[in-house]
Amino acid sequence: MSPKINEYELALELIGDDERGYDFITEKDILALKSLSSDQGVFSLYMDIRPERLQREPLMLRYKNLVSQKRVYIADRNELLLFDAVASDIGKLLENSYSRSRGRGLVIFAAPQKFSPKGDRSVKYDRFLVYHLPEAPTDFLAWGKLPSLTQLLIQLDEHEPVGVVLADRRRARFFIYYMGEAAEYNIVEVDDTPAKTRALGWGAHNHEQWQEEHYRQHFRNVATLTDVIARKAGWKWLALAGPDEIPAELADYLPKVLQGKLLGSLAMSLNVTYNDVRDRVAPLVREAEEREEAERLEAFVGELARDQGRAVAGLADTTLAAQQARIATLFFPPDFVQNGWLCRSCGGLIADLTDTPPETCIYCGGPLDEVPDVVSLIATQTLRLGGHVEVVRNKENQVILEKHGNIGALLRF
């Protein structure tokens, strides 16, 4: 009989992720960051902190160069004093806390709450957030009323959660492969039926049947638990692992929805480590992601070629489609950043496409705030409305997208 499991009461605690030196960033985290804002300014910093990069190009030297480049564009004296104070605080943090890196990338968001340019120039922060990333981002600094989220969206796009079920005929372990690493759920399925004394002669056949039925019941239980965890944790794909023919046997008991998410099967012992799971599953995930990117881009180009096809290309049309909540899948390369404006009244997005900035919102006539990266706002809105963000990383696919203005979208309608 299959176990009765309440999906909503099931607690999924991970074992191993705290040791990894990075944070599991989720879509929920990204959408929460969208609410981060400050009229005084939000400091968004991305840094590559891989040991080999730190040795070749010291962190503080690269950081100071980013700060110097950004200072040139701040005309207001009081704003510049605030920027310098925040930059100084973050510089001290980098110098004192990150001599030994955690993860491969670092991102910091700092939103000032109170600052007096005539006082001691100390900054009180409304929010000060630090994330350690599994992959190295491009060094980048933004200063505006909203955070720059594009590179976090890149991490999210590249690392959607994949479930890994490792089983034999008596036990099962459940893992997540996410953001380039693996961690284990604190759940183990064990068939604790006591071993039956092996019968001889005419009873041997009945004994084997009894034993095989317990194996099948164990697999049914594992399949049920896998289905519940997959829905709870939002697994995009699934990999099965175990000794000999076990993965294939277990696959037969999975619901059809999960069978459609299978990436493949791996021969593995049940006594493997997190790193073993990561190293074996990573190639399967990488192949699937590359295949999916190519298929989606092919669909995008095909829709563009059709009369009244459900696709748009170029920054102007893509921004308009985002404003109309029509985007199903958004495409852009990882280094595509574009200034723009955000309307305070209606939340309308306007990309910087002309030499003369707009005086008011083209949609409602409301006041505008300049934003350093309108692409990240389009991407965040796409996620919030249930769409998908496809950061195009394959070089050949980037060439295809460049022909269409480096950004585009498949549309809902």
Protein backbone atom coordinates (compact mmCIF):
# COMPACT_ATOMS: atom_id res chain seq x y z
CA MET A 1 0.00 0.00 0.00
CA SER A 2 1.40 3.41 -0.99
CA PRO A 3 2.20 5.90 1.80
CA LYS A 4 -0.16 8.81 2.36
CA ILE A 5 1.88 12.00 2.12
CA ASN A 6 0.55 15.53 2.49
CA GLU A 7 2.48 17.65 0.01
CA TYR A 8 1.78 20.85 1.93
CA GLU A 9 2.93 19.47 5.28
CA LEU A 10 6.08 17.88 3.88
CA ALA A 11 9.18 19.76 5.09
CA LEU A 12 12.02 19.70 2.58
CA GLU A 13 15.21 20.50 4.44
CA LEU A 14 18.46 20.20 2.52
CA ILE A 15 21.61 18.54 3.82
CA GLY A 16 24.87 19.77 2.37
CA ASP A 17 24.02 23.15 0.85
CA ASP A 18 25.43 25.09 3.83
CA GLU A 19 28.81 23.51 3.18
CA ARG A 20 28.82 24.51 -0.44
CA GLY A 21 29.73 28.16 -0.09
CA TYR A 22 26.93 29.53 -2.24
CA ASP A 23 23.25 30.40 -2.06
CA PHE A 24 20.37 28.65 -3.80
CA ILE A 25 18.67 31.60 -5.54
CA THR A 26 15.04 30.92 -6.49
CA GLU A 27 12.42 32.73 -8.56
CA LYS A 28 10.77 33.68 -5.26
CA ASP A 29 13.99 35.45 -4.21
CA ILE A 30 14.15 37.29 -7.54
CA LEU A 31 10.57 38.51 -7.30
CA ALA A 32 11.17 39.65 -3.71
CA LEU A 33 14.16 41.68 -4.89
CA LYS A 34 11.90 43.47 -7.34
CA SER A 35 10.32 45.26 -4.37
CA LEU A 36 13.74 46.55 -3.31
CA SER A 37 13.87 50.25 -4.13
CA SER A 38 15.16 53.53 -2.76
CA ASP A 39 14.66 57.08 -3.95
CA GLN A 40 18.18 57.74 -2.78
CA GLY A 41 19.66 54.92 -4.85
CA VAL A 42 20.27 51.16 -4.87
CA PHE A 43 23.84 49.88 -5.19
CA SER A 44 24.03 46.63 -7.24
CA LEU A 45 27.42 44.92 -7.39
CA TYR A 46 28.42 41.70 -9.15
CA MET A 47 31.95 40.33 -8.79
CA ASP A 48 33.85 37.31 -10.09
CA ILE A 49 35.52 35.80 -7.00
CA ARG A 50 36.98 32.60 -8.41
CA PRO A 51 40.39 31.96 -6.79
CA GLU A 52 42.19 31.99 -10.14
CA ARG A 53 40.63 35.36 -11.02
CA LEU A 54 41.46 36.81 -7.59
CA GLN A 55 45.07 35.79 -8.02
CA ARG A 56 45.31 37.25 -11.52
CA GLU A 57 43.30 40.43 -10.88
CA PRO A 58 42.86 41.45 -7.21
CA LEU A 59 39.27 41.98 -6.10
CA MET A 60 39.80 45.48 -4.67
CA LEU A 61 41.53 46.77 -7.81
CA ARG A 62 38.62 45.65 -9.99
CA TYR A 63 36.09 47.04 -7.52
CA LYS A 64 37.76 50.46 -7.37
CA ASN A 65 37.78 50.61 -11.17
CA LEU A 66 34.03 49.92 -11.27
CA VAL A 67 33.38 52.64 -8.69
CA SER A 68 35.51 55.18 -10.59
CA GLN A 69 33.68 54.46 -13.85
CA LYS A 70 30.27 54.93 -12.21
CA ARG A 71 31.17 58.17 -10.37
CA VAL A 72 31.63 60.00 -13.68
CA TYR A 73 27.88 59.74 -14.43
CA ILE A 74 26.63 61.14 -11.10
CA ALA A 75 26.17 64.92 -11.46
CA ASP A 76 24.35 65.80 -8.23
CA ARG A 77 26.83 66.55 -5.41
CA ASN A 78 24.74 65.11 -2.57
CA GLU A 79 24.00 61.97 -4.57
CA LEU A 80 27.70 61.56 -5.27
CA LEU A 81 28.49 61.89 -1.56
CA LEU A 82 25.94 59.14 -0.79
CA PHE A 83 27.30 56.93 -3.56
CA ASP A 84 30.85 57.37 -2.23
CA ALA A 85 29.72 56.52 1.32
CA VAL A 86 27.97 53.32 0.19
CA ALA A 87 30.91 52.39 -2.04
CA SER A 88 33.24 52.89 0.92
CA ASP A 89 31.13 50.64 3.18
CA ILE A 90 31.05 47.89 0.58
CA GLY A 91 34.77 48.32 -0.11
CA LYS A 92 35.54 47.71 3.57
CA LEU A 93 33.32 44.64 3.53
CA LEU A 94 35.10 43.25 0.47
CA GLU A 95 38.52 43.95 1.93
CA ASN A 96 37.82 42.47 5.36
CA SER A 97 35.39 39.62 4.66
CA TYR A 98 36.26 38.15 1.28
CA SER A 99 39.96 37.46 1.40
CA ARG A 100 38.81 33.84 1.20
CA SER A 101 35.99 33.45 -1.27
CA ARG A 102 32.76 31.53 -0.86
CA GLY A 103 31.32 30.30 -4.11
CA ARG A 104 32.50 31.60 -7.46
CA GLY A 105 30.50 34.81 -7.68
CA LEU A 106 29.37 37.54 -5.32
CA VAL A 107 26.43 39.94 -5.56
CA ILE A 108 25.59 42.73 -3.11
CA PHE A 109 22.48 44.92 -3.03
CA ALA A 110 22.57 47.95 -0.73
CA ALA A 111 19.54 50.27 -0.34
CA PRO A 112 20.27 53.34 1.84
CA GLN A 113 17.55 54.53 4.17
CA LYS A 114 19.16 57.52 5.87
CA PHE A 115 22.19 59.64 4.99
CA SER A 116 23.26 63.13 5.99
CA PRO A 117 25.85 64.71 3.68
CA LYS A 118 26.57 67.39 6.29
CA GLY A 119 27.05 64.99 9.23
CA ASP A 120 29.47 62.12 9.71
CA ARG A 121 28.28 60.72 6.36
CA SER A 122 27.48 57.33 7.85
CA VAL A 123 24.78 55.39 6.01
CA LYS A 124 21.84 53.61 7.60
CA TYR A 125 20.55 50.88 5.29
CA ASP A 126 16.99 49.76 4.68
CA ARG A 127 18.27 46.54 3.03
CA PHE A 128 21.77 45.13 2.66
CA LEU A 129 21.78 41.76 0.90
CA VAL A 130 24.71 39.50 0.03
CA TYR A 131 24.51 36.39 -2.18
CA HIS A 132 27.23 33.90 -3.10
CA LEU A 133 26.76 32.47 -6.59
CA PRO A 134 27.75 29.08 -8.01
CA GLU A 135 29.05 30.63 -11.23
CA ALA A 136 31.13 33.71 -11.80
CA PRO A 137 29.20 36.72 -13.12
CA THR A 138 30.69 39.53 -15.19
CA ASP A 139 32.03 42.32 -12.97
CA PHE A 140 29.28 44.94 -12.95
CA LEU A 141 28.14 47.90 -10.84
CA ALA A 142 24.82 49.71 -11.14
CA TRP A 143 23.41 52.68 -9.24
CA GLY A 144 19.76 53.59 -9.58
CA LYS A 145 16.42 53.55 -7.83
CA LEU A 146 15.99 49.81 -8.50
CA PRO A 147 18.39 46.85 -8.33
CA SER A 148 19.93 45.38 -11.46
CA LEU A 149 18.84 41.74 -11.57
CA THR A 150 19.90 40.54 -15.01
CA GLN A 151 22.87 38.48 -13.87
CA LEU A 152 20.83 36.78 -11.15
CA LEU A 153 18.27 35.94 -13.81
CA ILE A 154 21.09 34.40 -15.82
CA GLN A 155 21.97 32.17 -12.88
CA LEU A 156 18.31 31.24 -12.47
CA ASP A 157 17.94 30.41 -16.16
CA GLU A 158 21.08 28.29 -16.23
CA HIS A 159 20.28 26.35 -13.07
CA GLU A 160 16.69 25.23 -12.79
CA PRO A 161 16.15 22.57 -10.09
CA VAL A 162 16.65 18.95 -11.13
CA GLY A 163 15.63 16.05 -8.93
CA VAL A 164 17.86 13.01 -8.50
CA VAL A 165 16.49 9.78 -7.01
CA LEU A 166 19.08 7.21 -5.97
CA ALA A 167 17.57 3.83 -5.12
CA ASP A 168 18.16 0.15 -4.70
CA ARG A 169 15.66 -2.55 -3.69
CA ARG A 170 15.64 -1.57 -0.02
CA ARG A 171 16.44 2.14 0.25
CA ALA A 172 16.14 5.44 -1.63
CA ARG A 173 17.84 8.84 -1.24
CA PHE A 174 16.54 12.09 -2.77
CA PHE A 175 18.77 14.90 -4.07
CA ILE A 176 18.46 18.22 -5.82
CA TYR A 177 20.95 19.34 -8.45
CA TYR A 178 20.68 23.11 -8.63
CA MET A 179 22.92 26.01 -9.49
CA GLY A 180 25.79 23.70 -10.38
CA GLU A 181 25.86 21.76 -7.10
CA ALA A 182 23.99 18.96 -5.34
CA ALA A 183 22.38 18.69 -1.93
CA GLU A 184 20.29 15.97 -0.30
CA TYR A 185 16.81 16.16 1.17
CA ASN A 186 16.42 14.94 4.72
CA ILE A 187 14.11 12.15 3.54
CA VAL A 188 14.99 8.50 3.04
CA GLU A 189 12.60 5.79 1.89
CA VAL A 190 13.43 2.44 3.48
CA ASP A 191 11.69 -0.89 3.07
CA ASP A 192 12.00 -2.10 6.65
CA THR A 193 10.20 -5.40 6.08
CA PRO A 194 12.23 -8.06 7.92
CA ALA A 195 13.97 -10.52 5.67
CA LYS A 196 12.07 -13.81 5.44
CA THR A 197 13.93 -17.02 6.08
CA ARG A 198 14.62 -18.54 2.71
CA ALA A 199 12.46 -21.53 2.03
CA LEU A 200 13.72 -24.68 0.36
CA GLY A 201 12.08 -27.05 -2.03
CA TRP A 202 8.45 -26.31 -2.91
CA GLY A 203 8.42 -23.17 -0.69
CA ALA A 204 11.24 -21.46 -2.57
CA HIS A 205 8.92 -20.22 -5.32
CA ASN A 206 6.51 -18.66 -2.83
CA HIS A 207 9.41 -17.02 -1.01
CA GLU A 208 10.66 -15.41 -4.24
CA GLN A 209 7.18 -14.14 -5.04
CA TRP A 210 6.86 -12.68 -1.54
CA GLN A 211 10.23 -10.97 -1.88
CA GLU A 212 9.51 -9.61 -5.36
CA GLU A 213 6.21 -8.12 -4.15
CA HIS A 214 8.02 -6.26 -1.39
CA TYR A 215 10.50 -4.91 -3.96
CA ARG A 216 7.59 -3.71 -6.09
CA GLN A 217 5.90 -2.11 -3.08
CA HIS A 218 9.14 -0.32 -2.22
CA PHE A 219 9.37 1.07 -5.76
CA ARG A 220 5.73 2.17 -5.61
CA ASN A 221 6.47 4.01 -2.37
CA VAL A 222 9.58 5.63 -3.86
CA ALA A 223 7.59 6.71 -6.94
CA THR A 224 4.86 8.24 -4.76
CA LEU A 225 7.38 10.14 -2.66
CA THR A 226 9.24 11.27 -5.78
CA ASP A 227 6.04 12.69 -7.24
CA VAL A 228 5.25 14.62 -4.05
CA ILE A 229 8.78 16.05 -3.69
CA ALA A 230 8.93 16.98 -7.38
CA ARG A 231 5.76 19.07 -7.09
CA LYS A 232 6.77 20.56 -3.76
CA ALA A 233 10.29 21.50 -4.88
CA GLY A 234 9.43 22.46 -8.47
CA TRP A 235 11.78 20.02 -10.21
CA LYS A 236 12.10 20.75 -13.89
CA TRP A 237 13.77 17.45 -14.77
CA LEU A 238 14.50 14.15 -13.08
CA ALA A 239 17.42 11.73 -13.15
CA LEU A 240 17.26 8.20 -11.74
CA ALA A 241 20.31 6.43 -10.34
CA GLY A 242 21.11 3.15 -8.66
CA PRO A 243 22.94 -0.15 -9.09
CA ASP A 244 22.40 -2.39 -12.11
CA GLU A 245 18.88 -2.35 -13.56
CA ILE A 246 17.22 -0.54 -10.63
CA PRO A 247 16.69 2.88 -12.37
CA ALA A 248 14.83 1.25 -15.25
CA GLU A 249 12.64 -0.76 -12.87
CA LEU A 250 11.81 2.34 -10.81
CA ALA A 251 10.98 4.37 -13.93
CA ASP A 252 8.08 2.03 -14.71
CA TYR A 253 6.34 3.04 -11.47
CA LEU A 254 6.60 6.81 -11.98
CA PRO A 255 3.57 8.87 -13.06
CA LYS A 256 3.60 9.74 -16.75
CA VAL A 257 4.30 13.41 -15.97
CA LEU A 258 7.55 12.45 -14.27
CA GLN A 259 8.43 9.95 -16.97
CA GLY A 260 8.25 12.88 -19.40
CA LYS A 261 10.81 14.77 -17.28
CA LEU A 262 13.38 11.97 -17.22
CA LEU A 263 16.84 13.00 -18.41
CA GLY A 264 18.32 9.54 -18.12
CA SER A 265 19.57 6.82 -15.79
CA LEU A 266 22.91 6.46 -14.04
CA ALA A 267 24.61 3.45 -12.50
CA MET A 268 25.64 4.52 -8.99
CA SER A 269 26.11 3.07 -5.54
CA LEU A 270 23.81 4.25 -2.77
CA ASN A 271 26.82 5.34 -0.72
CA VAL A 272 27.90 8.20 -3.00
CA THR A 273 28.63 11.77 -1.84
CA TYR A 274 27.04 15.05 -2.95
CA ASN A 275 29.98 15.69 -5.26
CA ASP A 276 29.54 12.27 -6.91
CA VAL A 277 25.90 13.10 -7.64
CA ARG A 278 26.83 16.54 -8.96
CA ASP A 279 29.57 15.28 -11.28
CA ARG A 280 27.45 12.49 -12.76
CA VAL A 281 24.27 14.51 -13.25
CA ALA A 282 25.88 17.72 -14.58
CA PRO A 283 26.52 16.42 -18.16
CA LEU A 284 22.90 15.22 -18.48
CA VAL A 285 21.58 18.62 -17.40
CA ARG A 286 23.99 20.54 -19.63
CA GLU A 287 22.93 18.56 -22.71
CA ALA A 288 19.25 19.08 -21.91
CA GLU A 289 19.70 22.83 -21.41
CA GLU A 290 21.59 23.22 -24.70
CA ARG A 291 18.95 21.22 -26.53
CA GLU A 292 16.12 23.26 -24.98
CA GLU A 293 17.78 26.59 -25.80
CA ALA A 294 18.19 25.57 -29.45
CA GLU A 295 14.59 24.35 -29.69
CA ARG A 296 13.14 27.52 -28.17
CA LEU A 297 15.23 29.79 -30.35
CA GLU A 298 14.20 27.81 -33.42
CA ALA A 299 10.55 28.29 -32.46
CA PHE A 300 11.19 32.03 -31.97
CA VAL A 301 12.76 32.46 -35.41
CA GLY A 302 9.98 30.39 -36.98
CA GLU A 303 7.28 32.59 -35.43
CA LEU A 304 9.06 35.73 -36.62
CA ALA A 305 9.01 34.38 -40.17
CA ARG A 306 5.27 33.69 -40.11
CA ASP A 307 2.71 36.29 -41.09
CA GLN A 308 1.25 37.52 -37.79
CA GLY A 309 3.48 35.05 -35.93
CA ARG A 310 3.49 35.16 -32.14
CA ALA A 311 6.93 36.70 -31.71
CA VAL A 312 8.60 40.11 -31.56
CA ALA A 313 12.23 41.16 -31.97
CA GLY A 314 14.25 44.22 -31.04
CA LEU A 315 14.22 46.31 -27.89
CA ALA A 316 11.33 48.60 -28.82
CA ASP A 317 8.82 45.86 -29.72
CA THR A 318 9.94 43.59 -26.88
CA THR A 319 9.53 46.38 -24.32
CA LEU A 320 6.05 47.10 -25.67
CA ALA A 321 5.13 43.41 -25.48
CA ALA A 322 6.31 43.35 -21.86
CA GLN A 323 4.18 46.40 -21.14
CA GLN A 324 1.18 44.54 -22.59
CA ALA A 325 1.96 41.38 -20.53
CA ARG A 326 2.23 39.30 -23.70
CA ILE A 327 5.64 37.66 -23.24
CA ALA A 328 5.73 33.88 -22.85
CA THR A 329 9.50 33.41 -23.37
CA LEU A 330 12.06 36.23 -23.35
CA PHE A 331 15.41 35.87 -25.15
CA PHE A 332 18.60 37.91 -24.64
CA PRO A 333 22.36 37.23 -24.34
CA PRO A 334 24.03 37.42 -20.90
CA ASP A 335 25.84 40.71 -21.54
CA PHE A 336 22.87 42.66 -22.91
CA VAL A 337 22.17 45.71 -20.72
CA GLN A 338 20.15 48.78 -21.73
CA ASN A 339 19.24 51.98 -19.91
CA GLY A 340 15.61 53.02 -19.73
CA TRP A 341 12.84 54.57 -17.66
CA LEU A 342 10.16 53.35 -15.28
CA CYS A 343 6.93 55.29 -14.75
CA ARG A 344 6.16 56.08 -11.12
CA SER A 345 2.41 56.13 -11.79
CA CYS A 346 1.62 53.13 -14.00
CA GLY A 347 4.86 51.12 -13.83
CA GLY A 348 5.32 51.44 -17.59
CA LEU A 349 8.71 50.54 -19.07
CA ILE A 350 10.42 52.64 -21.72
CA ALA A 351 13.74 51.68 -23.32
CA ASP A 352 16.38 54.32 -24.09
CA LEU A 353 16.17 54.39 -27.89
CA THR A 354 16.50 58.10 -28.66
CA ASP A 355 18.98 60.90 -28.04
CA THR A 356 16.28 62.94 -26.28
CA PRO A 357 14.94 61.42 -23.03
CA PRO A 358 11.13 61.38 -22.72
CA GLU A 359 9.75 64.04 -20.40
CA THR A 360 6.79 61.98 -19.22
CA CYS A 361 5.44 58.44 -19.52
CA ILE A 362 4.24 57.67 -23.04
CA TYR A 363 1.44 55.53 -21.59
CA CYS A 364 -0.08 57.70 -18.87
CA GLY A 365 1.88 60.96 -18.81
CA GLY A 366 3.26 60.24 -15.33
CA PRO A 367 6.75 61.10 -14.04
CA LEU A 368 9.67 58.85 -14.99
CA ASP A 369 12.63 57.43 -13.10
CA GLU A 370 15.74 56.47 -15.02
CA VAL A 371 16.81 52.83 -14.53
CA PRO A 372 20.24 51.42 -15.41
CA ASP A 373 18.97 48.12 -16.82
CA VAL A 374 15.50 47.95 -18.35
CA VAL A 375 16.23 44.42 -19.62
CA SER A 376 16.26 43.09 -16.05
CA LEU A 377 12.89 44.74 -15.41
CA ILE A 378 11.42 43.11 -18.51
CA ALA A 379 12.85 39.76 -17.39
CA THR A 380 11.54 40.14 -13.84
CA GLN A 381 8.08 41.06 -15.09
CA THR A 382 8.12 38.03 -17.42
CA LEU A 383 8.87 35.74 -14.46
CA ARG A 384 6.24 37.39 -12.28
CA LEU A 385 3.59 36.71 -14.91
CA GLY A 386 4.56 33.05 -15.23
CA GLY A 387 6.71 33.37 -18.36
CA HIS A 388 10.19 32.03 -19.01
CA VAL A 389 13.52 33.83 -19.38
CA GLU A 390 15.94 32.20 -21.83
CA VAL A 391 19.43 33.67 -21.50
CA VAL A 392 21.10 32.66 -24.78
CA ARG A 393 24.64 31.47 -24.01
CA ASN A 394 25.54 29.33 -27.02
CA LYS A 395 27.74 31.43 -29.33
CA GLU A 396 26.04 30.24 -32.53
CA ASN A 397 22.62 30.98 -31.07
CA GLN A 398 23.84 34.44 -29.99
CA VAL A 399 24.72 35.18 -33.62
CA ILE A 400 21.18 34.26 -34.63
CA LEU A 401 19.69 36.48 -31.92
CA GLU A 402 22.01 39.37 -32.81
CA LYS A 403 20.39 39.49 -36.25
CA HIS A 404 17.11 40.26 -34.46
CA GLY A 405 18.37 43.06 -32.22
CA ASN A 406 19.83 40.90 -29.41
CA ILE A 407 16.46 40.62 -27.70
CA GLY A 408 13.08 39.17 -28.55
CA ALA A 409 10.18 37.15 -27.26
CA LEU A 410 7.70 34.43 -28.01
CA LEU A 411 4.23 35.79 -27.18
CA ARG A 412 1.22 34.44 -25.37
CA PHE A 413 -1.14 36.12 -27.85
